[in-house]
Structure formats: structure tokens, C-alpha cells
Amino acid sequence: MIVATPRPGSPTCQAYLANRQKGDIAAAMDNLDWLMGYVSGLAVGLNVNLLAQGDQVLIVAFKYPKTTLDDGYRQAKSVSEQWQLRTDELERWRQTVLSGRTRGVKDGDEPTFVVMAGSPLAPGGPTPYAKTLDSFDDQRPFQLDFELQWV
């Protein structure tokens, strides 16, 4: 088990990129393994997906378990704060949900797609990105997808 507490953009991401650029694949993979351990410690995802082109990983995506709109909002807010993602669309969505509830709109009928993007963690490094998804479950209509993108 890997236990780590660096802030996003720490030298680990930079070390991964530097080792990859030098062609030291073993060291780059050690750095990537560490980074993955760190990220997985932030969120216990339902599943992890990798999108690659050839031998290059372009996207590492963590899909969180389905949850309620309120818990999903708190989850998305927390992830956004940890990775310094923009939350203006998330806050607008939250107000729409609260307004809908006063009008009798069921949580399962609320649209859930919101995008939260951040800045690259290092030059040439991954960009953190999150989006909220409709889980198609009326009891737990919210699902968060967090990604590190090298695209």
C-alpha cells in the first residue's frame, strides 16, 4: 500500500515527465505507479480506465460510485478543491438543483452534466479534469468522473 500526501503538481509528476523524456522507462513507471497510488488514495473509484495511443497513456479516468445529488455535489466540490478545478459551473448546477427541488423536480430528473477543468500540473504534464454524469439510477442519480489527461 502506498501512502503519500503531496499537493497536486508535486515533483512526482514532474519526475515522471523528466524520466519519460530521458527515456528512463523504468523510473518513469515507478513515478507513475506512485502517482496512481496517490490518486487512488484520494478516491476509491468504482473503476479505473486508461486511454492510450500506442505506448502513451493519454487519459487515466477514475469513475466514482453512484451517489445522491447532495453527496455528489460535496464529492465534486472536494475533488475540485484538491485539484484546483474551476467550480463556477458546479455552483450554477447546485443552484439549479436547489431551485428545482422547490418546484417539485425529483433529483433523478435533474440533468447532471457539469465540467470542471484545471491547469496542467507540470509542463507537458497531466491536466486534471472532472465531469459529473447521470448514473441512470433514480435513488443515486449522480456519478463523478475524475481524469488526468495528457492530451
Protein backbone atom coordinates (compact mmCIF):
# COMPACT_ATOMS: atom_id res chain seq x y z
CA MET A 1 0.00 0.00 0.00
CA ILE A 2 1.31 3.42 -0.98
CA VAL A 3 0.68 6.27 1.43
CA ALA A 4 1.53 9.76 0.23
CA THR A 5 0.35 13.29 0.85
CA PRO A 6 1.91 15.68 -1.68
CA ARG A 7 0.00 18.53 -3.19
CA PRO A 8 -1.03 18.28 -6.87
CA GLY A 9 1.81 19.28 -9.17
CA SER A 10 4.42 17.89 -6.79
CA PRO A 11 7.82 16.71 -8.08
CA THR A 12 6.42 13.20 -8.63
CA CYS A 13 4.53 14.27 -11.74
CA GLN A 14 7.50 16.33 -12.86
CA ALA A 15 9.85 13.40 -12.19
CA TYR A 16 7.63 11.11 -14.26
CA LEU A 17 7.77 13.54 -17.18
CA ALA A 18 11.52 14.10 -16.86
CA ASN A 19 12.25 10.37 -16.74
CA ARG A 20 9.93 9.72 -19.68
CA GLN A 21 11.68 12.42 -21.72
CA LYS A 22 15.09 10.95 -20.84
CA GLY A 23 13.86 7.55 -21.98
CA ASP A 24 14.23 6.02 -18.49
CA ILE A 25 11.06 3.96 -18.75
CA ALA A 26 11.62 2.00 -15.51
CA ALA A 27 11.99 5.20 -13.45
CA ALA A 28 9.04 6.81 -15.25
CA MET A 29 6.86 3.79 -14.43
CA ASP A 30 7.94 3.95 -10.77
CA ASN A 31 6.88 7.59 -10.72
CA LEU A 32 3.59 6.78 -12.45
CA ASP A 33 2.91 3.89 -10.04
CA TRP A 34 3.46 6.27 -7.12
CA LEU A 35 1.21 8.92 -8.66
CA MET A 36 -1.52 6.33 -9.27
CA GLY A 37 -1.25 5.21 -5.65
CA TYR A 38 -1.61 8.79 -4.52
CA VAL A 39 -4.62 9.44 -6.71
CA SER A 40 -6.31 6.18 -5.73
CA GLY A 41 -5.89 7.21 -2.09
CA LEU A 42 -7.93 10.33 -2.84
CA ALA A 43 -10.86 8.42 -4.21
CA VAL A 44 -11.96 4.84 -4.09
CA GLY A 45 -13.27 4.64 -7.62
CA LEU A 46 -15.76 2.16 -8.96
CA ASN A 47 -13.37 1.60 -11.82
CA VAL A 48 -10.23 2.99 -13.38
CA ASN A 49 -9.86 3.31 -17.16
CA LEU A 50 -6.77 4.06 -19.19
CA LEU A 51 -6.91 5.50 -22.68
CA ALA A 52 -3.69 5.02 -24.59
CA GLN A 53 -2.35 5.60 -28.05
CA GLY A 54 0.47 3.19 -28.77
CA ASP A 55 2.59 3.05 -25.62
CA GLN A 56 1.49 6.51 -24.41
CA VAL A 57 -1.18 6.85 -21.73
CA LEU A 58 -3.36 9.80 -22.69
CA ILE A 59 -6.05 9.65 -20.01
CA VAL A 60 -6.37 7.98 -16.62
CA ALA A 61 -10.05 8.12 -15.60
CA PHE A 62 -11.50 7.33 -12.18
CA LYS A 63 -15.25 6.76 -12.09
CA TYR A 64 -16.66 7.16 -8.59
CA PRO A 65 -19.59 5.10 -7.30
CA LYS A 66 -23.14 6.33 -7.91
CA THR A 67 -24.46 8.60 -5.18
CA THR A 68 -27.11 11.19 -4.33
CA LEU A 69 -27.02 14.70 -5.76
CA ASP A 70 -26.10 16.18 -2.38
CA ASP A 71 -23.28 13.71 -1.72
CA GLY A 72 -22.16 14.01 -5.34
CA TYR A 73 -22.00 17.78 -5.05
CA ARG A 74 -19.84 17.51 -1.90
CA GLN A 75 -17.65 14.90 -3.62
CA ALA A 76 -17.20 17.04 -6.76
CA LYS A 77 -16.52 20.14 -4.64
CA SER A 78 -13.88 18.29 -2.61
CA VAL A 79 -12.13 16.86 -5.69
CA SER A 80 -12.25 20.29 -7.33
CA GLU A 81 -10.63 21.92 -4.32
CA GLN A 82 -7.93 19.24 -4.06
CA TRP A 83 -7.00 19.55 -7.75
CA GLN A 84 -7.76 23.28 -8.13
CA LEU A 85 -10.51 22.78 -10.70
CA ARG A 86 -12.95 25.51 -11.69
CA THR A 87 -16.23 25.22 -9.80
CA ASP A 88 -18.37 28.01 -11.32
CA GLU A 89 -20.44 25.54 -13.41
CA LEU A 90 -20.74 23.20 -10.43
CA GLU A 91 -22.11 26.03 -8.28
CA ARG A 92 -24.60 27.03 -11.02
CA TRP A 93 -25.72 23.40 -11.28
CA ARG A 94 -26.15 23.22 -7.48
CA GLN A 95 -28.39 26.30 -7.52
CA THR A 96 -30.44 24.77 -10.36
CA VAL A 97 -30.92 21.60 -8.29
CA LEU A 98 -31.98 23.54 -5.19
CA SER A 99 -34.36 25.67 -7.26
CA GLY A 100 -35.79 22.56 -8.91
CA ARG A 101 -36.50 20.99 -5.54
CA THR A 102 -38.59 24.00 -4.51
CA ARG A 103 -40.62 23.45 -7.70
CA GLY A 104 -41.03 19.72 -7.01
CA VAL A 105 -38.47 18.41 -9.53
CA LYS A 106 -37.19 14.98 -8.45
CA ASP A 107 -33.43 14.59 -8.10
CA GLY A 108 -33.48 11.75 -10.63
CA ASP A 109 -34.97 14.15 -13.20
CA GLU A 110 -32.26 16.80 -12.84
CA PRO A 111 -29.57 16.98 -15.54
CA THR A 112 -26.18 16.20 -14.01
CA PHE A 113 -23.58 17.02 -16.66
CA VAL A 114 -21.07 19.57 -15.35
CA VAL A 115 -17.44 20.05 -16.43
CA MET A 116 -14.67 21.15 -14.04
CA ALA A 117 -11.23 21.70 -15.56
CA GLY A 118 -7.90 22.65 -14.09
CA SER A 119 -4.46 23.71 -15.26
CA PRO A 120 -1.65 21.32 -16.21
CA LEU A 121 0.16 20.02 -13.14
CA ALA A 122 3.55 20.46 -14.81
CA PRO A 123 4.88 21.45 -18.24
CA GLY A 124 3.74 18.66 -20.55
CA GLY A 125 2.11 17.03 -17.58
CA PRO A 126 -1.40 15.87 -16.99
CA THR A 127 -4.31 18.24 -16.73
CA PRO A 128 -6.85 17.35 -14.05
CA TYR A 129 -10.41 17.30 -15.33
CA ALA A 130 -13.69 16.17 -13.82
CA LYS A 131 -17.22 15.82 -15.09
CA THR A 132 -20.43 14.81 -13.48
CA LEU A 133 -22.53 12.16 -15.12
CA ASP A 134 -26.09 10.87 -14.93
CA SER A 135 -25.93 7.39 -13.39
CA PHE A 136 -29.45 6.47 -14.63
CA ASP A 137 -30.35 5.44 -11.07
CA ASP A 138 -33.22 7.47 -9.56
CA GLN A 139 -32.01 6.81 -5.99
CA ARG A 140 -28.37 7.64 -6.74
CA PRO A 141 -28.50 9.79 -9.87
CA PHE A 142 -25.01 11.31 -9.62
CA GLN A 143 -21.67 9.90 -10.73
CA LEU A 144 -18.31 11.69 -10.79
CA ASP A 145 -15.62 11.01 -13.37
CA PHE A 146 -12.17 12.40 -12.49
CA GLU A 147 -9.41 12.28 -15.10
CA LEU A 148 -5.75 13.09 -15.56
CA GLN A 149 -5.29 13.96 -19.22
CA TRP A 150 -2.07 14.14 -21.22
CA VAL A 151 -3.88 15.39 -24.36
